[in-house]
Amino acid sequence: MSTIVYVCTTCASTWQNGKKVGTSGGEILLATLEAENGTTNLTIKPVNCMSACSHACCVAFAAPGKYSYIFGDLHPEVAGDILDCARTYDTKTDGMIGWNERPEALKKTLIARLPAL
C-alpha cells in the first residue's frame, strides 16, 4: 500500500452563522497537492477535520507499519516541499524522517509523530 497524505479540508475556513462559506485554505492546499503529485506512490486524501485548527493548514503522512506524521502551518506554495517530504517518508521502512531529511518548510512545522500500530 502506498503512503497516504491526508489533507484537512476544514483548515482555514470562513464561517458564517455556523456554516462554512467559500473555499477553505485546506481545500486550496488539497487541490494544489493533487495537481503537483503526478504519478507517484502517494495517495492524497481529504479529511473533514484533523482538530489542529490553531495550526491551519495541516497534513498527515501515514502508511501501514510506519510512524505517522502531522505537520501544520502549511500553505499551498509549499506543496512541492510537502510532496518531497512524503516521497522521502514513502522510502522509509519504519517511516522515520530525520530533521535533516525534511525540506526547510517542514522542519519547524511538525505537530506530532505517532508510533505505528
C-alpha atoms as a PDB file:
ATOM      1  CA  MET A   1       0.000   0.000   0.000  1.00  0.00           C
ATOM      2  CA  SER A   2       1.224   3.447  -0.809  1.00  0.00           C
ATOM      3  CA  THR A   3       1.773   6.336   1.540  1.00  0.00           C
ATOM      4  CA  ILE A   4      -1.345   8.355   2.258  1.00  0.00           C
ATOM      5  CA  VAL A   5      -1.132  12.119   2.553  1.00  0.00           C
ATOM      6  CA  TYR A   6      -4.196  13.280   4.475  1.00  0.00           C
ATOM      7  CA  VAL A   7      -5.158  16.925   3.970  1.00  0.00           C
ATOM      8  CA  CYS A   8      -7.529  18.718   6.343  1.00  0.00           C
ATOM      9  CA  THR A   9     -10.127  20.425   4.184  1.00  0.00           C
ATOM     10  CA  THR A  10     -11.668  22.327   7.099  1.00  0.00           C
ATOM     11  CA  CYS A  11      -8.438  24.203   7.844  1.00  0.00           C
ATOM     12  CA  ALA A  12      -8.534  27.967   7.341  1.00  0.00           C
ATOM     13  CA  SER A  13     -12.287  28.037   6.702  1.00  0.00           C
ATOM     14  CA  THR A  14     -14.530  31.073   6.911  1.00  0.00           C
ATOM     15  CA  TRP A  15     -17.729  30.537   8.891  1.00  0.00           C
ATOM     16  CA  GLN A  16     -20.980  32.498   8.967  1.00  0.00           C
ATOM     17  CA  ASN A  17     -23.956  31.520  11.106  1.00  0.00           C
ATOM     18  CA  GLY A  18     -22.380  28.129  11.823  1.00  0.00           C
ATOM     19  CA  LYS A  19     -21.891  27.269   8.148  1.00  0.00           C
ATOM     20  CA  LYS A  20     -18.693  27.163   6.118  1.00  0.00           C
ATOM     21  CA  VAL A  21     -18.646  29.667   3.271  1.00  0.00           C
ATOM     22  CA  GLY A  22     -16.335  29.758   0.294  1.00  0.00           C
ATOM     23  CA  THR A  23     -13.275  27.645  -0.298  1.00  0.00           C
ATOM     24  CA  SER A  24     -11.086  26.854   2.699  1.00  0.00           C
ATOM     25  CA  GLY A  25      -7.321  27.098   2.774  1.00  0.00           C
ATOM     26  CA  GLY A  26      -7.247  23.328   3.217  1.00  0.00           C
ATOM     27  CA  GLU A  27      -9.281  22.804   0.058  1.00  0.00           C
ATOM     28  CA  ILE A  28      -6.855  25.033  -1.838  1.00  0.00           C
ATOM     29  CA  LEU A  29      -3.904  23.088  -0.408  1.00  0.00           C
ATOM     30  CA  LEU A  30      -5.571  19.792  -1.372  1.00  0.00           C
ATOM     31  CA  ALA A  31      -6.124  20.943  -4.964  1.00  0.00           C
ATOM     32  CA  THR A  32      -2.526  22.147  -5.228  1.00  0.00           C
ATOM     33  CA  LEU A  33      -1.140  18.861  -3.887  1.00  0.00           C
ATOM     34  CA  GLU A  34      -3.317  16.852  -6.276  1.00  0.00           C
ATOM     35  CA  ALA A  35      -2.191  18.983  -9.227  1.00  0.00           C
ATOM     36  CA  GLU A  36       1.504  18.668  -8.344  1.00  0.00           C
ATOM     37  CA  ASN A  37       1.510  14.990  -7.287  1.00  0.00           C
ATOM     38  CA  GLY A  38       1.958  13.460 -10.726  1.00  0.00           C
ATOM     39  CA  THR A  39       2.490   9.710 -10.926  1.00  0.00           C
ATOM     40  CA  THR A  40       3.834   8.592  -7.566  1.00  0.00           C
ATOM     41  CA  ASN A  41       3.173   6.053  -4.816  1.00  0.00           C
ATOM     42  CA  LEU A  42       1.419   8.805  -2.869  1.00  0.00           C
ATOM     43  CA  THR A  43      -2.326   8.746  -2.346  1.00  0.00           C
ATOM     44  CA  ILE A  44      -3.788  12.126  -1.397  1.00  0.00           C
ATOM     45  CA  LYS A  45      -7.000  12.007   0.625  1.00  0.00           C
ATOM     46  CA  PRO A  46      -9.161  14.794   2.051  1.00  0.00           C
ATOM     47  CA  VAL A  47     -10.117  14.695   5.723  1.00  0.00           C
ATOM     48  CA  ASN A  48     -13.032  16.721   7.083  1.00  0.00           C
ATOM     49  CA  CYS A  49     -11.180  17.895  10.223  1.00  0.00           C
ATOM     50  CA  MET A  50      -7.906  16.953  11.897  1.00  0.00           C
ATOM     51  CA  SER A  51      -8.514  19.100  15.015  1.00  0.00           C
ATOM     52  CA  ALA A  52      -5.355  21.130  14.529  1.00  0.00           C
ATOM     53  CA  CYS A  53      -7.209  24.396  13.989  1.00  0.00           C
ATOM     54  CA  SER A  54      -4.545  26.533  15.640  1.00  0.00           C
ATOM     55  CA  HIS A  55      -2.048  25.212  13.061  1.00  0.00           C
ATOM     56  CA  ALA A  56      -4.042  25.537   9.821  1.00  0.00           C
ATOM     57  CA  CYS A  57      -3.393  24.183   7.284  1.00  0.00           C
ATOM     58  CA  CYS A  58      -2.319  20.678   8.242  1.00  0.00           C
ATOM     59  CA  VAL A  59      -1.437  17.406   6.555  1.00  0.00           C
ATOM     60  CA  ALA A  60      -0.561  13.937   7.816  1.00  0.00           C
ATOM     61  CA  PHE A  61       1.567  11.156   6.353  1.00  0.00           C
ATOM     62  CA  ALA A  62       0.554   7.571   7.148  1.00  0.00           C
ATOM     63  CA  ALA A  63       1.244   4.032   5.944  1.00  0.00           C
ATOM     64  CA  PRO A  64       0.811   0.569   7.471  1.00  0.00           C
ATOM     65  CA  GLY A  65       3.564  -0.343   9.925  1.00  0.00           C
ATOM     66  CA  LYS A  66       5.103   3.140   9.878  1.00  0.00           C
ATOM     67  CA  TYR A  67       5.192   6.135  12.159  1.00  0.00           C
ATOM     68  CA  SER A  68       2.643   8.783  11.175  1.00  0.00           C
ATOM     69  CA  TYR A  69       3.440  12.486  10.983  1.00  0.00           C
ATOM     70  CA  ILE A  70       1.230  15.548  11.334  1.00  0.00           C
ATOM     71  CA  PHE A  71       2.507  18.871  10.001  1.00  0.00           C
ATOM     72  CA  GLY A  72       0.754  22.217  10.402  1.00  0.00           C
ATOM     73  CA  ASP A  73       1.017  25.906   9.488  1.00  0.00           C
ATOM     74  CA  LEU A  74       1.308  24.966   5.805  1.00  0.00           C
ATOM     75  CA  HIS A  75       0.375  26.935   2.694  1.00  0.00           C
ATOM     76  CA  PRO A  76      -0.213  25.950  -0.955  1.00  0.00           C
ATOM     77  CA  GLU A  77       3.096  27.499  -2.026  1.00  0.00           C
ATOM     78  CA  VAL A  78       4.964  24.730  -0.122  1.00  0.00           C
ATOM     79  CA  ALA A  79       3.030  21.896  -1.803  1.00  0.00           C
ATOM     80  CA  GLY A  80       6.194  20.751  -3.609  1.00  0.00           C
ATOM     81  CA  ASP A  81       8.050  20.513  -0.295  1.00  0.00           C
ATOM     82  CA  ILE A  82       5.160  18.568   1.261  1.00  0.00           C
ATOM     83  CA  LEU A  83       5.231  16.088  -1.619  1.00  0.00           C
ATOM     84  CA  ASP A  84       9.041  15.794  -1.488  1.00  0.00           C
ATOM     85  CA  CYS A  85       8.861  15.009   2.226  1.00  0.00           C
ATOM     86  CA  ALA A  86       6.057  12.490   1.667  1.00  0.00           C
ATOM     87  CA  ARG A  87       8.154  10.770  -1.003  1.00  0.00           C
ATOM     88  CA  THR A  88      11.061  10.535   1.443  1.00  0.00           C
ATOM     89  CA  TYR A  89       8.662   9.098   4.035  1.00  0.00           C
ATOM     90  CA  ASP A  90       7.471   6.562   1.445  1.00  0.00           C
ATOM     91  CA  THR A  91      11.032   5.209   1.058  1.00  0.00           C
ATOM     92  CA  LYS A  92      11.482   4.579   4.789  1.00  0.00           C
ATOM     93  CA  THR A  93      10.565   1.110   6.066  1.00  0.00           C
ATOM     94  CA  ASP A  94       9.642   2.493   9.501  1.00  0.00           C
ATOM     95  CA  GLY A  95       8.513   5.944   8.356  1.00  0.00           C
ATOM     96  CA  MET A  96      11.123   7.793  10.420  1.00  0.00           C
ATOM     97  CA  ILE A  97      12.123  11.034   8.680  1.00  0.00           C
ATOM     98  CA  GLY A  98      15.147  12.754  10.168  1.00  0.00           C
ATOM     99  CA  TRP A  99      15.018  16.503  10.730  1.00  0.00           C
ATOM    100  CA  ASN A 100      17.799  16.960   8.169  1.00  0.00           C
ATOM    101  CA  GLU A 101      15.786  14.940   5.607  1.00  0.00           C
ATOM    102  CA  ARG A 102      12.814  17.311   5.714  1.00  0.00           C
ATOM    103  CA  PRO A 103      12.547  20.272   3.355  1.00  0.00           C
ATOM    104  CA  GLU A 104      13.045  23.623   5.084  1.00  0.00           C
ATOM    105  CA  ALA A 105       9.288  24.355   5.003  1.00  0.00           C
ATOM    106  CA  LEU A 106       8.588  21.248   7.128  1.00  0.00           C
ATOM    107  CA  LYS A 107      11.440  21.463   9.648  1.00  0.00           C
ATOM    108  CA  LYS A 108       9.594  23.682  12.130  1.00  0.00           C
ATOM    109  CA  THR A 109       6.010  22.691  11.338  1.00  0.00           C
ATOM    110  CA  LEU A 110       5.879  19.215  12.873  1.00  0.00           C
ATOM    111  CA  ILE A 111       2.925  18.875  15.270  1.00  0.00           C
ATOM    112  CA  ALA A 112       3.259  15.186  16.127  1.00  0.00           C
ATOM    113  CA  ARG A 113       4.896  11.884  15.253  1.00  0.00           C
ATOM    114  CA  LEU A 114       2.774   8.888  16.200  1.00  0.00           C
ATOM    115  CA  PRO A 115       4.083   5.335  16.564  1.00  0.00           C
ATOM    116  CA  ALA A 116       2.909   2.658  14.188  1.00  0.00           C
ATOM    117  CA  LEU A 117       0.070   0.392  15.283  1.00  0.00           C
END
